[in-house]
Amino acid sequence: MAVEKFETALKKLEEVVNRLESGELTLEESLKSFEEGVKMAAFCTKKLDEAEKKVEILLKKKDGSFAKEEFRYENDGH
């Protein structure tokens, strides 16, 4: 896929959704746009997953040192 940035893919995904919601596309154009949207959504999901794995929270301990803790969603059960 030629898209390298999350923001670019997200913008393209939004454009696809707008085209599909317009109701002005033919069936063939709709299917092509849908396929493009699925690819953009998968790319965005992959980039978000990669970013989540890299995120760490630094917590300052009482002694002034820092401890690393993996990023967790508040409601993910981890």
Protein backbone atom coordinates (compact mmCIF):
# COMPACT_ATOMS: atom_id res chain seq x y z
CA MET A 1 0.00 0.00 0.00
CA ALA A 2 1.36 3.40 -0.96
CA VAL A 3 -0.03 5.13 2.12
CA GLU A 4 2.66 5.71 4.70
CA LYS A 5 0.95 7.88 7.28
CA PHE A 6 -1.96 7.11 9.56
CA GLU A 7 -3.43 10.58 9.07
CA THR A 8 -3.39 10.22 5.29
CA ALA A 9 -5.12 6.83 5.46
CA LEU A 10 -7.70 8.14 7.91
CA LYS A 11 -8.50 11.09 5.65
CA LYS A 12 -8.88 8.73 2.66
CA LEU A 13 -11.14 6.49 4.74
CA GLU A 14 -13.32 9.49 5.63
CA GLU A 15 -13.51 10.43 1.94
CA VAL A 16 -14.59 6.88 1.05
CA VAL A 17 -17.31 6.96 3.70
CA ASN A 18 -18.56 10.31 2.41
CA ARG A 19 -18.68 8.98 -1.17
CA LEU A 20 -20.56 5.89 -0.09
CA GLU A 21 -23.01 7.88 2.03
CA SER A 22 -23.72 10.28 -0.84
CA GLY A 23 -25.72 7.60 -2.61
CA GLU A 24 -24.53 8.91 -5.97
CA LEU A 25 -22.19 6.04 -6.86
CA THR A 26 -23.04 3.17 -9.13
CA LEU A 27 -22.92 -0.33 -7.69
CA GLU A 28 -19.52 -0.92 -9.27
CA GLU A 29 -18.16 2.38 -7.93
CA SER A 30 -19.60 1.59 -4.50
CA LEU A 31 -17.91 -1.80 -4.41
CA LYS A 32 -14.60 -0.30 -5.49
CA SER A 33 -14.89 2.44 -2.85
CA PHE A 34 -15.86 -0.12 -0.21
CA GLU A 35 -12.80 -2.21 -1.06
CA GLU A 36 -10.59 0.88 -0.77
CA GLY A 37 -12.21 1.70 2.59
CA VAL A 38 -11.56 -1.79 3.93
CA LYS A 39 -7.88 -1.46 2.98
CA MET A 40 -7.63 1.98 4.63
CA ALA A 41 -9.36 0.70 7.78
CA ALA A 42 -6.98 -2.27 7.99
CA PHE A 43 -3.98 0.04 7.53
CA CYS A 44 -5.24 2.39 10.26
CA THR A 45 -5.88 -0.52 12.63
CA LYS A 46 -2.38 -1.86 12.02
CA LYS A 47 -0.81 1.56 12.68
CA LEU A 48 -2.84 2.00 15.87
CA ASP A 49 -1.83 -1.47 17.08
CA GLU A 50 1.83 -0.66 16.38
CA ALA A 51 1.56 2.63 18.26
CA GLU A 52 -0.16 0.97 21.22
CA LYS A 53 2.69 -1.53 21.55
CA LYS A 54 5.22 1.32 21.68
CA VAL A 55 3.46 3.42 24.30
CA GLU A 56 4.83 3.25 27.80
CA ILE A 57 3.92 5.34 30.79
CA LEU A 58 6.69 6.63 33.04
CA LEU A 59 5.77 6.65 36.69
CA LYS A 60 7.90 8.57 39.14
CA LYS A 61 8.67 6.56 42.25
CA LYS A 62 9.03 8.04 45.70
CA ASP A 63 12.83 7.76 45.49
CA GLY A 64 12.90 9.89 42.32
CA SER A 65 13.59 7.03 39.92
CA PHE A 66 11.26 6.09 37.10
CA ALA A 67 9.51 2.82 36.35
CA LYS A 68 8.11 1.83 32.99
CA GLU A 69 4.62 0.45 32.75
CA GLU A 70 2.94 -0.86 29.63
CA PHE A 71 0.10 1.24 28.29
CA ARG A 72 -3.31 -0.25 28.98
CA TYR A 73 -6.81 0.81 28.09
CA GLU A 74 -8.86 1.59 31.16
CA ASN A 75 -11.49 -0.98 30.26
CA ASP A 76 -9.46 -3.73 28.57
CA GLY A 77 -9.28 -5.99 31.60
CA HIS A 78 -5.46 -6.09 31.83
